[in-house]
Protein backbone atom coordinates (compact mmCIF):
# COMPACT_ATOMS: atom_id res chain seq x y z
CA UNK A 1 0.00 0.00 0.00
CA UNK A 2 1.63 3.24 -1.20
CA UNK A 3 0.00 5.43 1.50
CA UNK A 4 1.60 3.31 4.22
CA UNK A 5 5.04 3.41 2.56
CA UNK A 6 4.80 7.18 2.15
CA UNK A 7 3.77 7.67 5.79
CA UNK A 8 6.66 5.52 7.03
CA UNK A 9 9.07 7.40 4.76
CA UNK A 10 7.79 10.74 6.09
CA UNK A 11 8.15 9.62 9.72
CA UNK A 12 11.74 8.48 9.10
CA UNK A 13 12.61 11.72 7.29
CA UNK A 14 11.20 13.78 10.14
CA UNK A 15 13.07 11.71 12.72
CA UNK A 16 16.36 12.16 10.84
CA UNK A 17 15.87 15.92 10.60
CA UNK A 18 14.91 16.17 14.27
CA UNK A 19 18.06 14.27 15.24
CA UNK A 20 20.20 16.65 13.19
CA UNK A 21 18.38 19.56 14.86
CA UNK A 22 19.27 18.18 18.31
CA UNK A 23 22.91 17.75 17.26
CA UNK A 24 23.03 21.39 16.16
CA UNK A 25 21.64 22.51 19.52
CA UNK A 26 24.32 20.47 21.27
CA UNK A 27 26.95 22.03 18.99
CA UNK A 28 25.67 25.50 19.90
CA UNK A 29 26.01 24.73 23.60
CA UNK A 30 29.59 23.50 23.11
CA UNK A 31 30.49 26.62 21.11
CA UNK A 32 28.99 28.87 23.79
CA UNK A 33 30.82 26.95 26.51
CA UNK A 34 34.10 27.45 24.63
CA UNK A 35 33.19 31.12 24.07
CA UNK A 36 33.39 30.77 20.29
CA UNK A 37 30.65 33.32 19.69
CA UNK A 38 31.37 33.78 15.97
CA UNK A 39 30.76 30.05 15.41
CA UNK A 40 27.27 30.27 16.88
CA UNK A 41 25.84 32.44 14.10
CA UNK A 42 26.16 29.77 11.35
CA UNK A 43 24.67 27.20 13.71
CA UNK A 44 21.70 29.48 14.36
CA UNK A 45 21.23 29.88 10.60
CA UNK A 46 21.36 26.09 10.17
CA UNK A 47 18.76 25.73 12.90
CA UNK A 48 16.50 28.25 11.13
CA UNK A 49 16.89 26.41 7.82
CA UNK A 50 16.16 23.05 9.42
CA UNK A 51 13.20 24.55 11.24
CA UNK A 52 11.63 25.52 7.90
CA UNK A 53 12.37 22.05 6.52
CA UNK A 54 10.85 20.51 9.64
CA UNK A 55 7.65 22.46 9.11
CA UNK A 56 7.42 21.15 5.55
CA UNK A 57 8.17 17.57 6.54
CA UNK A 58 5.65 17.80 9.37
CA UNK A 59 2.98 18.93 6.91
CA UNK A 60 3.91 16.08 4.56
CA UNK A 61 3.73 13.55 7.39
CA UNK A 62 0.31 14.84 8.48
CA UNK A 63 -0.94 14.69 4.89
CA UNK A 64 0.35 11.15 4.38
CA UNK A 65 -1.22 10.10 7.69
CA UNK A 66 -4.57 11.55 6.58
CA UNK A 67 -4.26 9.71 3.26
CA UNK A 68 -3.48 6.45 5.10
CA UNK A 69 -6.50 6.88 7.38
CA UNK A 70 -8.67 7.56 4.39
CA UNK A 71 -7.34 4.48 2.57
CA UNK A 72 -8.02 2.32 5.65
CA UNK A 73 -11.49 3.83 6.12
CA UNK A 74 -10.59 5.13 9.58
CA UNK A 75 -12.19 8.28 11.00
CA UNK A 76 -10.19 11.47 10.39
CA UNK A 77 -9.68 11.96 14.14
CA UNK A 78 -8.26 8.43 14.60
CA UNK A 79 -4.88 8.39 16.36
CA UNK A 80 -1.81 6.42 15.33
CA UNK A 81 -2.48 3.62 17.80
CA UNK A 82 -6.12 3.37 16.68
CA UNK A 83 -5.21 2.66 13.07
CA UNK A 84 -2.46 0.17 13.90
CA UNK A 85 -4.84 -2.79 14.23
CA UNK A 86 -6.28 -1.97 10.79
CA UNK A 87 -2.92 -2.68 9.14
CA UNK A 88 -1.60 -6.05 7.99
CA UNK A 89 0.55 -7.70 10.67
CA UNK A 90 3.74 -7.56 8.58
CA UNK A 91 3.37 -3.78 8.11
CA UNK A 92 2.85 -3.03 11.81
CA UNK A 93 6.43 -3.73 12.83
CA UNK A 94 7.89 -1.39 10.23
CA UNK A 95 5.38 1.31 11.13
CA UNK A 96 5.99 0.92 14.87
CA UNK A 97 9.75 1.10 14.33
CA UNK A 98 9.40 4.37 12.40
CA UNK A 99 7.02 5.69 15.07
CA UNK A 100 9.53 4.87 17.84
CA UNK A 101 12.35 6.52 15.90
CA UNK A 102 10.24 9.65 15.58
CA UNK A 103 9.32 9.65 19.28
CA UNK A 104 12.97 9.20 20.30
CA UNK A 105 13.98 12.03 17.97
CA UNK A 106 11.34 14.30 19.52
CA UNK A 107 12.63 13.51 23.02
CA UNK A 108 16.17 14.11 21.79
CA UNK A 109 15.24 17.61 20.61
CA UNK A 110 13.33 18.31 23.83
CA UNK A 111 16.37 17.26 25.86
CA UNK A 112 18.82 19.29 23.77
CA UNK A 113 16.53 22.33 23.93
CA UNK A 114 16.14 22.01 27.70
CA UNK A 115 19.92 21.72 28.17
CA UNK A 116 20.53 24.73 25.94
CA UNK A 117 17.85 26.77 27.71
CA UNK A 118 19.24 25.86 31.14
CA UNK A 119 22.78 26.71 30.04
CA UNK A 120 21.89 30.15 28.68
CA UNK A 121 19.61 30.95 31.63
CA UNK A 122 22.46 30.10 34.00
CA UNK A 123 24.78 32.41 32.11
CA UNK A 124 22.12 35.14 32.07
CA UNK A 125 21.55 34.89 35.83
CA UNK A 126 25.28 34.97 36.47
CA UNK A 127 25.74 38.12 34.37
CA UNK A 128 22.72 39.77 35.98
CA UNK A 129 24.26 39.21 39.41
CA UNK A 130 27.66 40.49 38.31
CA UNK A 131 26.18 43.54 36.59
CA UNK A 132 23.91 44.13 39.59
CA UNK A 133 26.99 44.33 41.80
CA UNK A 134 28.89 46.53 39.35
CA UNK A 135 25.94 48.85 38.68
CA UNK A 136 23.69 48.74 41.76
CA UNK A 137 21.76 51.80 40.57
CA UNK A 138 20.48 49.71 37.62
CA UNK A 139 19.14 46.94 39.87
CA UNK A 140 15.36 46.86 40.01
CA UNK A 141 13.25 49.98 39.77
CA UNK A 142 14.08 53.34 41.27
CA UNK A 143 11.12 55.33 42.58
CA UNK A 144 10.66 59.07 42.78
CA UNK A 145 9.25 60.91 45.83
CA UNK A 146 5.75 60.65 44.39
CA UNK A 147 5.99 56.83 44.34
CA UNK A 148 6.16 56.45 40.58
CA UNK A 149 8.95 54.57 38.82
CA UNK A 150 11.73 56.91 37.83
CA UNK A 151 13.69 56.61 34.60
CA UNK A 152 17.32 55.76 35.28
CA UNK A 153 19.96 57.54 33.23
CA UNK A 154 21.26 55.17 30.58
CA UNK A 155 24.87 54.31 31.29
CA UNK A 156 26.35 52.69 28.24
CA UNK A 157 27.86 49.27 28.80
CA UNK A 158 30.32 47.66 26.42
CA UNK A 159 30.72 43.89 26.50
CA UNK A 160 33.74 42.29 24.88
CA UNK A 161 32.69 39.14 22.99
CA UNK A 162 36.25 37.83 23.14
CA UNK A 163 36.20 37.24 26.91
C-alpha atoms as a PDB file:
ATOM      1  CA  UNK A   1       0.000   0.000   0.000  1.00  0.00           C
ATOM      2  CA  UNK A   2       1.630   3.239  -1.203  1.00  0.00           C
ATOM      3  CA  UNK A   3       0.004   5.425   1.499  1.00  0.00           C
ATOM      4  CA  UNK A   4       1.603   3.310   4.216  1.00  0.00           C
ATOM      5  CA  UNK A   5       5.042   3.414   2.561  1.00  0.00           C
ATOM      6  CA  UNK A   6       4.797   7.179   2.152  1.00  0.00           C
ATOM      7  CA  UNK A   7       3.767   7.667   5.793  1.00  0.00           C
ATOM      8  CA  UNK A   8       6.656   5.518   7.029  1.00  0.00           C
ATOM      9  CA  UNK A   9       9.071   7.399   4.755  1.00  0.00           C
ATOM     10  CA  UNK A  10       7.785  10.735   6.089  1.00  0.00           C
ATOM     11  CA  UNK A  11       8.150   9.616   9.722  1.00  0.00           C
ATOM     12  CA  UNK A  12      11.739   8.484   9.099  1.00  0.00           C
ATOM     13  CA  UNK A  13      12.608  11.717   7.290  1.00  0.00           C
ATOM     14  CA  UNK A  14      11.200  13.784  10.141  1.00  0.00           C
ATOM     15  CA  UNK A  15      13.070  11.707  12.725  1.00  0.00           C
ATOM     16  CA  UNK A  16      16.358  12.163  10.845  1.00  0.00           C
ATOM     17  CA  UNK A  17      15.871  15.915  10.601  1.00  0.00           C
ATOM     18  CA  UNK A  18      14.907  16.170  14.271  1.00  0.00           C
ATOM     19  CA  UNK A  19      18.061  14.265  15.242  1.00  0.00           C
ATOM     20  CA  UNK A  20      20.199  16.649  13.187  1.00  0.00           C
ATOM     21  CA  UNK A  21      18.382  19.563  14.861  1.00  0.00           C
ATOM     22  CA  UNK A  22      19.272  18.180  18.306  1.00  0.00           C
ATOM     23  CA  UNK A  23      22.915  17.747  17.258  1.00  0.00           C
ATOM     24  CA  UNK A  24      23.033  21.392  16.158  1.00  0.00           C
ATOM     25  CA  UNK A  25      21.638  22.512  19.518  1.00  0.00           C
ATOM     26  CA  UNK A  26      24.322  20.473  21.275  1.00  0.00           C
ATOM     27  CA  UNK A  27      26.947  22.029  18.986  1.00  0.00           C
ATOM     28  CA  UNK A  28      25.665  25.497  19.904  1.00  0.00           C
ATOM     29  CA  UNK A  29      26.013  24.731  23.598  1.00  0.00           C
ATOM     30  CA  UNK A  30      29.585  23.505  23.107  1.00  0.00           C
ATOM     31  CA  UNK A  31      30.493  26.625  21.106  1.00  0.00           C
ATOM     32  CA  UNK A  32      28.990  28.868  23.790  1.00  0.00           C
ATOM     33  CA  UNK A  33      30.820  26.947  26.507  1.00  0.00           C
ATOM     34  CA  UNK A  34      34.096  27.446  24.630  1.00  0.00           C
ATOM     35  CA  UNK A  35      33.195  31.120  24.075  1.00  0.00           C
ATOM     36  CA  UNK A  36      33.390  30.767  20.288  1.00  0.00           C
ATOM     37  CA  UNK A  37      30.652  33.318  19.688  1.00  0.00           C
ATOM     38  CA  UNK A  38      31.365  33.778  15.966  1.00  0.00           C
ATOM     39  CA  UNK A  39      30.761  30.051  15.414  1.00  0.00           C
ATOM     40  CA  UNK A  40      27.273  30.268  16.884  1.00  0.00           C
ATOM     41  CA  UNK A  41      25.837  32.437  14.097  1.00  0.00           C
ATOM     42  CA  UNK A  42      26.165  29.767  11.349  1.00  0.00           C
ATOM     43  CA  UNK A  43      24.672  27.197  13.714  1.00  0.00           C
ATOM     44  CA  UNK A  44      21.700  29.478  14.358  1.00  0.00           C
ATOM     45  CA  UNK A  45      21.231  29.884  10.599  1.00  0.00           C
ATOM     46  CA  UNK A  46      21.360  26.093  10.168  1.00  0.00           C
ATOM     47  CA  UNK A  47      18.758  25.729  12.901  1.00  0.00           C
ATOM     48  CA  UNK A  48      16.503  28.247  11.127  1.00  0.00           C
ATOM     49  CA  UNK A  49      16.891  26.413   7.819  1.00  0.00           C
ATOM     50  CA  UNK A  50      16.161  23.054   9.423  1.00  0.00           C
ATOM     51  CA  UNK A  51      13.201  24.546  11.242  1.00  0.00           C
ATOM     52  CA  UNK A  52      11.626  25.515   7.904  1.00  0.00           C
ATOM     53  CA  UNK A  53      12.366  22.051   6.518  1.00  0.00           C
ATOM     54  CA  UNK A  54      10.849  20.510   9.638  1.00  0.00           C
ATOM     55  CA  UNK A  55       7.647  22.462   9.105  1.00  0.00           C
ATOM     56  CA  UNK A  56       7.420  21.147   5.548  1.00  0.00           C
ATOM     57  CA  UNK A  57       8.172  17.567   6.541  1.00  0.00           C
ATOM     58  CA  UNK A  58       5.649  17.796   9.372  1.00  0.00           C
ATOM     59  CA  UNK A  59       2.984  18.934   6.913  1.00  0.00           C
ATOM     60  CA  UNK A  60       3.906  16.075   4.565  1.00  0.00           C
ATOM     61  CA  UNK A  61       3.728  13.550   7.395  1.00  0.00           C
ATOM     62  CA  UNK A  62       0.315  14.836   8.481  1.00  0.00           C
ATOM     63  CA  UNK A  63      -0.943  14.694   4.894  1.00  0.00           C
ATOM     64  CA  UNK A  64       0.348  11.154   4.382  1.00  0.00           C
ATOM     65  CA  UNK A  65      -1.223  10.095   7.686  1.00  0.00           C
ATOM     66  CA  UNK A  66      -4.569  11.551   6.581  1.00  0.00           C
ATOM     67  CA  UNK A  67      -4.259   9.708   3.260  1.00  0.00           C
ATOM     68  CA  UNK A  68      -3.484   6.452   5.099  1.00  0.00           C
ATOM     69  CA  UNK A  69      -6.497   6.878   7.383  1.00  0.00           C
ATOM     70  CA  UNK A  70      -8.667   7.563   4.385  1.00  0.00           C
ATOM     71  CA  UNK A  71      -7.338   4.478   2.572  1.00  0.00           C
ATOM     72  CA  UNK A  72      -8.024   2.323   5.653  1.00  0.00           C
ATOM     73  CA  UNK A  73     -11.492   3.831   6.118  1.00  0.00           C
ATOM     74  CA  UNK A  74     -10.589   5.125   9.577  1.00  0.00           C
ATOM     75  CA  UNK A  75     -12.187   8.277  10.999  1.00  0.00           C
ATOM     76  CA  UNK A  76     -10.193  11.473  10.392  1.00  0.00           C
ATOM     77  CA  UNK A  77      -9.684  11.957  14.137  1.00  0.00           C
ATOM     78  CA  UNK A  78      -8.261   8.426  14.597  1.00  0.00           C
ATOM     79  CA  UNK A  79      -4.885   8.387  16.356  1.00  0.00           C
ATOM     80  CA  UNK A  80      -1.813   6.422  15.331  1.00  0.00           C
ATOM     81  CA  UNK A  81      -2.481   3.618  17.799  1.00  0.00           C
ATOM     82  CA  UNK A  82      -6.118   3.373  16.680  1.00  0.00           C
ATOM     83  CA  UNK A  83      -5.209   2.660  13.071  1.00  0.00           C
ATOM     84  CA  UNK A  84      -2.455   0.174  13.897  1.00  0.00           C
ATOM     85  CA  UNK A  85      -4.844  -2.792  14.225  1.00  0.00           C
ATOM     86  CA  UNK A  86      -6.281  -1.966  10.790  1.00  0.00           C
ATOM     87  CA  UNK A  87      -2.923  -2.683   9.140  1.00  0.00           C
ATOM     88  CA  UNK A  88      -1.598  -6.055   7.987  1.00  0.00           C
ATOM     89  CA  UNK A  89       0.554  -7.697  10.672  1.00  0.00           C
ATOM     90  CA  UNK A  90       3.742  -7.562   8.582  1.00  0.00           C
ATOM     91  CA  UNK A  91       3.366  -3.778   8.110  1.00  0.00           C
ATOM     92  CA  UNK A  92       2.849  -3.028  11.807  1.00  0.00           C
ATOM     93  CA  UNK A  93       6.434  -3.725  12.834  1.00  0.00           C
ATOM     94  CA  UNK A  94       7.889  -1.395  10.225  1.00  0.00           C
ATOM     95  CA  UNK A  95       5.385   1.308  11.130  1.00  0.00           C
ATOM     96  CA  UNK A  96       5.992   0.918  14.873  1.00  0.00           C
ATOM     97  CA  UNK A  97       9.752   1.099  14.332  1.00  0.00           C
ATOM     98  CA  UNK A  98       9.405   4.366  12.397  1.00  0.00           C
ATOM     99  CA  UNK A  99       7.020   5.686  15.070  1.00  0.00           C
ATOM    100  CA  UNK A 100       9.529   4.869  17.844  1.00  0.00           C
ATOM    101  CA  UNK A 101      12.354   6.517  15.902  1.00  0.00           C
ATOM    102  CA  UNK A 102      10.236   9.651  15.580  1.00  0.00           C
ATOM    103  CA  UNK A 103       9.321   9.645  19.282  1.00  0.00           C
ATOM    104  CA  UNK A 104      12.966   9.196  20.303  1.00  0.00           C
ATOM    105  CA  UNK A 105      13.981  12.033  17.973  1.00  0.00           C
ATOM    106  CA  UNK A 106      11.336  14.297  19.518  1.00  0.00           C
ATOM    107  CA  UNK A 107      12.630  13.506  23.016  1.00  0.00           C
ATOM    108  CA  UNK A 108      16.169  14.107  21.791  1.00  0.00           C
ATOM    109  CA  UNK A 109      15.238  17.614  20.610  1.00  0.00           C
ATOM    110  CA  UNK A 110      13.335  18.307  23.827  1.00  0.00           C
ATOM    111  CA  UNK A 111      16.370  17.264  25.863  1.00  0.00           C
ATOM    112  CA  UNK A 112      18.822  19.293  23.772  1.00  0.00           C
ATOM    113  CA  UNK A 113      16.535  22.332  23.935  1.00  0.00           C
ATOM    114  CA  UNK A 114      16.140  22.006  27.696  1.00  0.00           C
ATOM    115  CA  UNK A 115      19.924  21.717  28.172  1.00  0.00           C
ATOM    116  CA  UNK A 116      20.532  24.726  25.945  1.00  0.00           C
ATOM    117  CA  UNK A 117      17.853  26.769  27.707  1.00  0.00           C
ATOM    118  CA  UNK A 118      19.240  25.862  31.139  1.00  0.00           C
ATOM    119  CA  UNK A 119      22.775  26.708  30.036  1.00  0.00           C
ATOM    120  CA  UNK A 120      21.886  30.152  28.681  1.00  0.00           C
ATOM    121  CA  UNK A 121      19.608  30.949  31.634  1.00  0.00           C
ATOM    122  CA  UNK A 122      22.459  30.101  33.997  1.00  0.00           C
ATOM    123  CA  UNK A 123      24.784  32.414  32.114  1.00  0.00           C
ATOM    124  CA  UNK A 124      22.123  35.137  32.071  1.00  0.00           C
ATOM    125  CA  UNK A 125      21.550  34.887  35.829  1.00  0.00           C
ATOM    126  CA  UNK A 126      25.284  34.972  36.466  1.00  0.00           C
ATOM    127  CA  UNK A 127      25.739  38.120  34.369  1.00  0.00           C
ATOM    128  CA  UNK A 128      22.721  39.771  35.979  1.00  0.00           C
ATOM    129  CA  UNK A 129      24.257  39.207  39.414  1.00  0.00           C
ATOM    130  CA  UNK A 130      27.662  40.486  38.312  1.00  0.00           C
ATOM    131  CA  UNK A 131      26.177  43.538  36.589  1.00  0.00           C
ATOM    132  CA  UNK A 132      23.913  44.128  39.594  1.00  0.00           C
ATOM    133  CA  UNK A 133      26.990  44.334  41.798  1.00  0.00           C
ATOM    134  CA  UNK A 134      28.894  46.532  39.349  1.00  0.00           C
ATOM    135  CA  UNK A 135      25.940  48.852  38.676  1.00  0.00           C
ATOM    136  CA  UNK A 136      23.691  48.738  41.757  1.00  0.00           C
ATOM    137  CA  UNK A 137      21.756  51.799  40.569  1.00  0.00           C
ATOM    138  CA  UNK A 138      20.485  49.708  37.622  1.00  0.00           C
ATOM    139  CA  UNK A 139      19.144  46.940  39.868  1.00  0.00           C
ATOM    140  CA  UNK A 140      15.363  46.859  40.006  1.00  0.00           C
ATOM    141  CA  UNK A 141      13.254  49.975  39.774  1.00  0.00           C
ATOM    142  CA  UNK A 142      14.078  53.336  41.268  1.00  0.00           C
ATOM    143  CA  UNK A 143      11.125  55.327  42.578  1.00  0.00           C
ATOM    144  CA  UNK A 144      10.662  59.071  42.781  1.00  0.00           C
ATOM    145  CA  UNK A 145       9.255  60.908  45.832  1.00  0.00           C
ATOM    146  CA  UNK A 146       5.745  60.651  44.386  1.00  0.00           C
ATOM    147  CA  UNK A 147       5.994  56.830  44.338  1.00  0.00           C
ATOM    148  CA  UNK A 148       6.158  56.446  40.576  1.00  0.00           C
ATOM    149  CA  UNK A 149       8.947  54.566  38.822  1.00  0.00           C
ATOM    150  CA  UNK A 150      11.732  56.907  37.828  1.00  0.00           C
ATOM    151  CA  UNK A 151      13.688  56.613  34.599  1.00  0.00           C
ATOM    152  CA  UNK A 152      17.321  55.755  35.282  1.00  0.00           C
ATOM    153  CA  UNK A 153      19.963  57.541  33.234  1.00  0.00           C
ATOM    154  CA  UNK A 154      21.260  55.166  30.585  1.00  0.00           C
ATOM    155  CA  UNK A 155      24.873  54.307  31.287  1.00  0.00           C
ATOM    156  CA  UNK A 156      26.351  52.689  28.244  1.00  0.00           C
ATOM    157  CA  UNK A 157      27.855  49.266  28.803  1.00  0.00           C
ATOM    158  CA  UNK A 158      30.318  47.659  26.415  1.00  0.00           C
ATOM    159  CA  UNK A 159      30.721  43.888  26.498  1.00  0.00           C
ATOM    160  CA  UNK A 160      33.740  42.294  24.879  1.00  0.00           C
ATOM    161  CA  UNK A 161      32.693  39.140  22.987  1.00  0.00           C
ATOM    162  CA  UNK A 162      36.254  37.830  23.145  1.00  0.00           C
ATOM    163  CA  UNK A 163      36.199  37.241  26.907  1.00  0.00           C
END
